[in-house]
């Protein structure tokens, strides 16, 4: 039983140093939270969003995509939705 416990403790120590927890070199997790810097996942999402916006701008410039105002009929069919409050934190696993 002592060997299993030692393996669990050892594996936790190894995983603490994995690349996912060391996304910003020289910045500890607590420092990152205090500095309000985004994590790796947020950075990837932001990069993906910026790429999509860039693609849309290129399509508009090339004439492949047209952005237009809604007609009165469309506005009646698709009314404006109220902004839903964003959920901060989410569930932890």
C-alpha atoms as a PDB file:
ATOM      1  CA  UNK A   1       0.000   0.000   0.000  1.00  0.00           C
ATOM      2  CA  UNK A   2       2.885   2.356   0.679  1.00  0.00           C
ATOM      3  CA  UNK A   3       4.263   1.807  -2.843  1.00  0.00           C
ATOM      4  CA  UNK A   4       0.965   2.772  -4.474  1.00  0.00           C
ATOM      5  CA  UNK A   5       0.761   5.928  -2.385  1.00  0.00           C
ATOM      6  CA  UNK A   6       4.344   6.831  -3.325  1.00  0.00           C
ATOM      7  CA  UNK A   7       3.533   6.331  -7.029  1.00  0.00           C
ATOM      8  CA  UNK A   8       0.497   8.617  -6.762  1.00  0.00           C
ATOM      9  CA  UNK A   9       2.485  11.347  -5.060  1.00  0.00           C
ATOM     10  CA  UNK A  10       5.311  10.975  -7.604  1.00  0.00           C
ATOM     11  CA  UNK A  11       2.897  11.106 -10.581  1.00  0.00           C
ATOM     12  CA  UNK A  12       1.254  14.267  -9.198  1.00  0.00           C
ATOM     13  CA  UNK A  13       4.638  15.944  -8.952  1.00  0.00           C
ATOM     14  CA  UNK A  14       5.459  15.009 -12.548  1.00  0.00           C
ATOM     15  CA  UNK A  15       2.139  16.326 -13.870  1.00  0.00           C
ATOM     16  CA  UNK A  16       2.501  19.621 -12.023  1.00  0.00           C
ATOM     17  CA  UNK A  17       5.373  20.446 -14.345  1.00  0.00           C
ATOM     18  CA  UNK A  18       3.608  19.471 -17.567  1.00  0.00           C
ATOM     19  CA  UNK A  19       3.508  22.031 -20.418  1.00  0.00           C
ATOM     20  CA  UNK A  20      -0.174  22.795 -19.843  1.00  0.00           C
ATOM     21  CA  UNK A  21       0.582  24.235 -16.423  1.00  0.00           C
ATOM     22  CA  UNK A  22       3.708  26.052 -17.616  1.00  0.00           C
ATOM     23  CA  UNK A  23       2.189  28.058 -20.450  1.00  0.00           C
ATOM     24  CA  UNK A  24       3.962  31.294 -19.520  1.00  0.00           C
ATOM     25  CA  UNK A  25       7.663  30.871 -18.771  1.00  0.00           C
ATOM     26  CA  UNK A  26       8.835  32.566 -15.614  1.00  0.00           C
ATOM     27  CA  UNK A  27       5.301  33.265 -14.420  1.00  0.00           C
ATOM     28  CA  UNK A  28       3.836  31.156 -11.666  1.00  0.00           C
ATOM     29  CA  UNK A  29       0.157  30.214 -11.761  1.00  0.00           C
ATOM     30  CA  UNK A  30      -0.709  32.635  -8.959  1.00  0.00           C
ATOM     31  CA  UNK A  31       1.189  35.446 -10.682  1.00  0.00           C
ATOM     32  CA  UNK A  32      -0.674  34.802 -13.935  1.00  0.00           C
ATOM     33  CA  UNK A  33      -4.026  35.022 -12.172  1.00  0.00           C
ATOM     34  CA  UNK A  34      -3.021  38.221 -10.364  1.00  0.00           C
ATOM     35  CA  UNK A  35      -1.697  39.756 -13.593  1.00  0.00           C
ATOM     36  CA  UNK A  36      -4.944  38.705 -15.340  1.00  0.00           C
ATOM     37  CA  UNK A  37      -3.049  37.096 -18.221  1.00  0.00           C
ATOM     38  CA  UNK A  38      -4.903  34.607 -20.431  1.00  0.00           C
ATOM     39  CA  UNK A  39      -4.152  30.899 -20.247  1.00  0.00           C
ATOM     40  CA  UNK A  40      -3.145  28.727 -23.179  1.00  0.00           C
ATOM     41  CA  UNK A  41      -6.734  27.772 -24.061  1.00  0.00           C
ATOM     42  CA  UNK A  42      -7.872  31.395 -24.093  1.00  0.00           C
ATOM     43  CA  UNK A  43      -4.908  32.327 -26.289  1.00  0.00           C
ATOM     44  CA  UNK A  44      -5.818  29.568 -28.770  1.00  0.00           C
ATOM     45  CA  UNK A  45      -9.450  30.677 -28.827  1.00  0.00           C
ATOM     46  CA  UNK A  46      -8.421  34.293 -29.412  1.00  0.00           C
ATOM     47  CA  UNK A  47      -6.062  33.307 -32.245  1.00  0.00           C
ATOM     48  CA  UNK A  48      -8.798  31.190 -33.836  1.00  0.00           C
ATOM     49  CA  UNK A  49     -11.278  34.079 -33.576  1.00  0.00           C
ATOM     50  CA  UNK A  50      -8.794  36.520 -35.111  1.00  0.00           C
ATOM     51  CA  UNK A  51      -8.138  34.092 -37.996  1.00  0.00           C
ATOM     52  CA  UNK A  52     -11.880  33.769 -38.684  1.00  0.00           C
ATOM     53  CA  UNK A  53     -12.302  37.563 -38.686  1.00  0.00           C
ATOM     54  CA  UNK A  54      -9.329  37.888 -41.036  1.00  0.00           C
ATOM     55  CA  UNK A  55     -10.918  35.344 -43.402  1.00  0.00           C
ATOM     56  CA  UNK A  56     -14.220  37.251 -43.339  1.00  0.00           C
ATOM     57  CA  UNK A  57     -12.464  40.542 -44.105  1.00  0.00           C
ATOM     58  CA  UNK A  58     -10.620  38.929 -47.037  1.00  0.00           C
ATOM     59  CA  UNK A  59     -13.850  37.466 -48.431  1.00  0.00           C
ATOM     60  CA  UNK A  60     -15.552  40.875 -48.188  1.00  0.00           C
ATOM     61  CA  UNK A  61     -12.600  42.545 -49.934  1.00  0.00           C
ATOM     62  CA  UNK A  62     -12.672  39.941 -52.730  1.00  0.00           C
ATOM     63  CA  UNK A  63     -16.434  40.315 -53.150  1.00  0.00           C
ATOM     64  CA  UNK A  64     -17.158  36.708 -52.193  1.00  0.00           C
ATOM     65  CA  UNK A  65     -19.092  37.759 -49.102  1.00  0.00           C
ATOM     66  CA  UNK A  66     -21.571  40.616 -48.742  1.00  0.00           C
ATOM     67  CA  UNK A  67     -22.580  42.014 -45.371  1.00  0.00           C
ATOM     68  CA  UNK A  68     -25.871  43.870 -45.558  1.00  0.00           C
ATOM     69  CA  UNK A  69     -28.476  45.354 -43.231  1.00  0.00           C
ATOM     70  CA  UNK A  70     -31.485  43.209 -42.316  1.00  0.00           C
ATOM     71  CA  UNK A  71     -34.747  43.936 -44.050  1.00  0.00           C
ATOM     72  CA  UNK A  72     -37.862  44.794 -42.022  1.00  0.00           C
ATOM     73  CA  UNK A  73     -39.237  41.316 -42.749  1.00  0.00           C
ATOM     74  CA  UNK A  74     -36.045  39.631 -41.504  1.00  0.00           C
ATOM     75  CA  UNK A  75     -36.009  41.842 -38.425  1.00  0.00           C
ATOM     76  CA  UNK A  76     -39.591  40.732 -37.616  1.00  0.00           C
ATOM     77  CA  UNK A  77     -38.697  37.050 -38.144  1.00  0.00           C
ATOM     78  CA  UNK A  78     -35.509  37.204 -36.098  1.00  0.00           C
ATOM     79  CA  UNK A  79     -36.035  39.616 -33.188  1.00  0.00           C
ATOM     80  CA  UNK A  80     -33.060  40.842 -31.162  1.00  0.00           C
ATOM     81  CA  UNK A  81     -32.250  38.539 -28.260  1.00  0.00           C
ATOM     82  CA  UNK A  82     -31.505  39.785 -24.792  1.00  0.00           C
ATOM     83  CA  UNK A  83     -27.897  39.384 -23.755  1.00  0.00           C
ATOM     84  CA  UNK A  84     -27.472  36.360 -21.536  1.00  0.00           C
ATOM     85  CA  UNK A  85     -25.164  36.756 -18.565  1.00  0.00           C
ATOM     86  CA  UNK A  86     -21.889  34.967 -19.150  1.00  0.00           C
ATOM     87  CA  UNK A  87     -20.932  32.219 -16.795  1.00  0.00           C
ATOM     88  CA  UNK A  88     -17.581  32.814 -15.158  1.00  0.00           C
ATOM     89  CA  UNK A  89     -15.503  29.917 -13.960  1.00  0.00           C
ATOM     90  CA  UNK A  90     -17.528  26.961 -15.138  1.00  0.00           C
ATOM     91  CA  UNK A  91     -17.438  23.504 -13.673  1.00  0.00           C
ATOM     92  CA  UNK A  92     -14.189  22.060 -12.468  1.00  0.00           C
ATOM     93  CA  UNK A  93     -13.414  18.421 -13.066  1.00  0.00           C
END
